[in-house]
Amino acid sequence: MPIKIREAHIDDLPAILAFEQGVVTAERPYNNKIKAGTVHYYDLAALIGSDKSRVLVADDDNRLVGTGHATLKSSLDYYIHDRHAYLGLMYVEPDYRGQGIIQDILS
């Protein structure tokens, strides 16, 4: 069965929070300003419930293996466009990397 990309729902929150910690762990070696312990970059429950955001998950037969989100933002006034999408929390479990999952999430 192929990996399915779907919108996240609130029941997915524990897995998405774990993915967030995977991102934090990966970034710590490059940024010594990140606090020790659990760090949250996003209010993920709010993003899941927002009409201006889409949180997607990669689901491999009911096992979540990746995530990413896009949030519609207002652009600064000196840009020619008035809105843009902020992309964040792009994460795939190590055993699933290299399969184009983030590309699928972005699509």
Protein backbone atom coordinates (compact mmCIF):
# COMPACT_ATOMS: atom_id res chain seq x y z
CA MET A 1 0.00 0.00 0.00
CA PRO A 2 1.48 3.40 -0.97
CA ILE A 3 2.11 6.11 1.58
CA LYS A 4 -0.94 8.38 1.80
CA ILE A 5 -0.66 12.13 2.31
CA ARG A 6 -3.64 13.49 4.24
CA GLU A 7 -4.67 16.40 6.41
CA ALA A 8 -3.75 15.97 10.05
CA HIS A 9 -6.43 15.76 12.69
CA ILE A 10 -6.11 16.42 16.39
CA ASP A 11 -5.68 12.70 17.16
CA ASP A 12 -2.39 12.88 15.20
CA LEU A 13 -0.98 15.48 17.59
CA PRO A 14 1.21 13.13 19.70
CA ALA A 15 3.03 11.85 16.61
CA ILE A 16 3.40 15.34 15.13
CA LEU A 17 4.80 16.63 18.43
CA ALA A 18 7.36 13.80 18.33
CA PHE A 19 8.29 14.80 14.76
CA GLU A 20 8.76 18.37 15.99
CA GLN A 21 11.28 17.12 18.52
CA GLY A 22 13.06 15.31 15.67
CA VAL A 23 13.44 18.66 13.91
CA VAL A 24 14.71 20.30 17.11
CA THR A 25 17.23 17.49 17.63
CA ALA A 26 18.48 17.87 14.06
CA GLU A 27 18.86 21.64 14.43
CA ARG A 28 20.60 21.75 17.82
CA PRO A 29 24.09 21.00 16.45
CA TYR A 30 23.78 24.07 14.21
CA ASN A 31 22.27 26.43 16.77
CA ASN A 32 23.66 26.47 20.30
CA LYS A 33 20.97 28.95 21.36
CA ILE A 34 18.21 26.30 21.42
CA LYS A 35 17.34 25.41 25.01
CA ALA A 36 17.89 21.92 26.38
CA GLY A 37 14.86 19.68 26.81
CA THR A 38 11.56 19.84 24.99
CA VAL A 39 11.18 22.85 22.70
CA HIS A 40 8.09 23.76 20.68
CA TYR A 41 8.49 25.83 17.53
CA TYR A 42 4.77 25.83 16.76
CA ASP A 43 1.38 25.69 18.44
CA LEU A 44 0.52 22.56 16.51
CA ALA A 45 -2.98 22.11 17.91
CA ALA A 46 -3.83 25.65 16.77
CA LEU A 47 -2.31 25.03 13.33
CA ILE A 48 -4.36 21.85 12.89
CA GLY A 49 -7.53 23.79 13.75
CA SER A 50 -6.72 26.92 11.76
CA ASP A 51 -8.44 27.89 8.53
CA LYS A 52 -5.21 29.62 7.44
CA SER A 53 -2.99 26.55 7.86
CA ARG A 54 -2.78 23.05 6.52
CA VAL A 55 -0.91 20.42 8.47
CA LEU A 56 -0.36 17.28 6.44
CA VAL A 57 0.91 13.88 7.49
CA ALA A 58 2.37 10.95 5.60
CA ASP A 59 0.52 7.81 6.61
CA ASP A 60 1.96 4.36 5.92
CA ASP A 61 -0.85 1.93 6.76
CA ASN A 62 -1.92 3.88 9.89
CA ARG A 63 1.66 4.66 10.94
CA LEU A 64 2.56 8.34 10.65
CA VAL A 65 5.99 8.70 9.09
CA GLY A 66 6.22 12.39 8.20
CA THR A 67 4.64 15.81 8.36
CA GLY A 68 4.76 19.37 7.08
CA HIS A 69 2.63 22.46 7.23
CA ALA A 70 1.83 25.59 5.28
CA THR A 71 0.39 28.73 6.81
CA LEU A 72 -0.99 31.63 4.81
CA LYS A 73 0.68 34.87 5.91
CA SER A 74 0.44 38.51 4.93
CA SER A 75 3.54 39.68 3.12
CA LEU A 76 5.43 42.81 4.04
CA ASP A 77 4.32 45.88 2.15
CA TYR A 78 7.45 46.14 0.00
CA TYR A 79 6.76 42.84 -1.80
CA ILE A 80 4.75 42.70 -5.00
CA HIS A 81 2.55 39.94 -3.59
CA ASP A 82 0.26 40.53 -0.61
CA ARG A 83 0.29 36.95 0.71
CA HIS A 84 2.66 34.01 0.88
CA ALA A 85 2.80 30.56 2.40
CA TYR A 86 5.15 29.90 5.30
CA LEU A 87 6.31 26.27 5.13
CA GLY A 88 7.45 24.53 8.28
CA LEU A 89 7.90 21.35 10.25
CA MET A 90 9.09 19.35 7.25
CA TYR A 91 10.03 16.01 8.79
CA VAL A 92 10.23 12.39 7.66
CA GLU A 93 11.22 9.41 9.80
CA PRO A 94 14.79 8.30 8.95
CA ASP A 95 13.73 4.91 7.52
CA TYR A 96 11.40 6.67 5.06
CA ARG A 97 13.74 9.38 3.78
CA GLY A 98 14.70 9.49 0.13
CA GLN A 99 11.26 8.44 -1.09
CA GLY A 100 9.97 11.90 -2.05
CA ILE A 101 7.57 12.20 0.88
CA ILE A 102 8.24 15.90 1.47
CA GLN A 103 7.76 16.52 -2.26
CA ASP A 104 4.40 14.78 -1.99
CA ILE A 105 3.47 16.90 1.02
CA LEU A 106 4.45 20.08 -0.84
CA SER A 107 2.43 19.01 -3.87
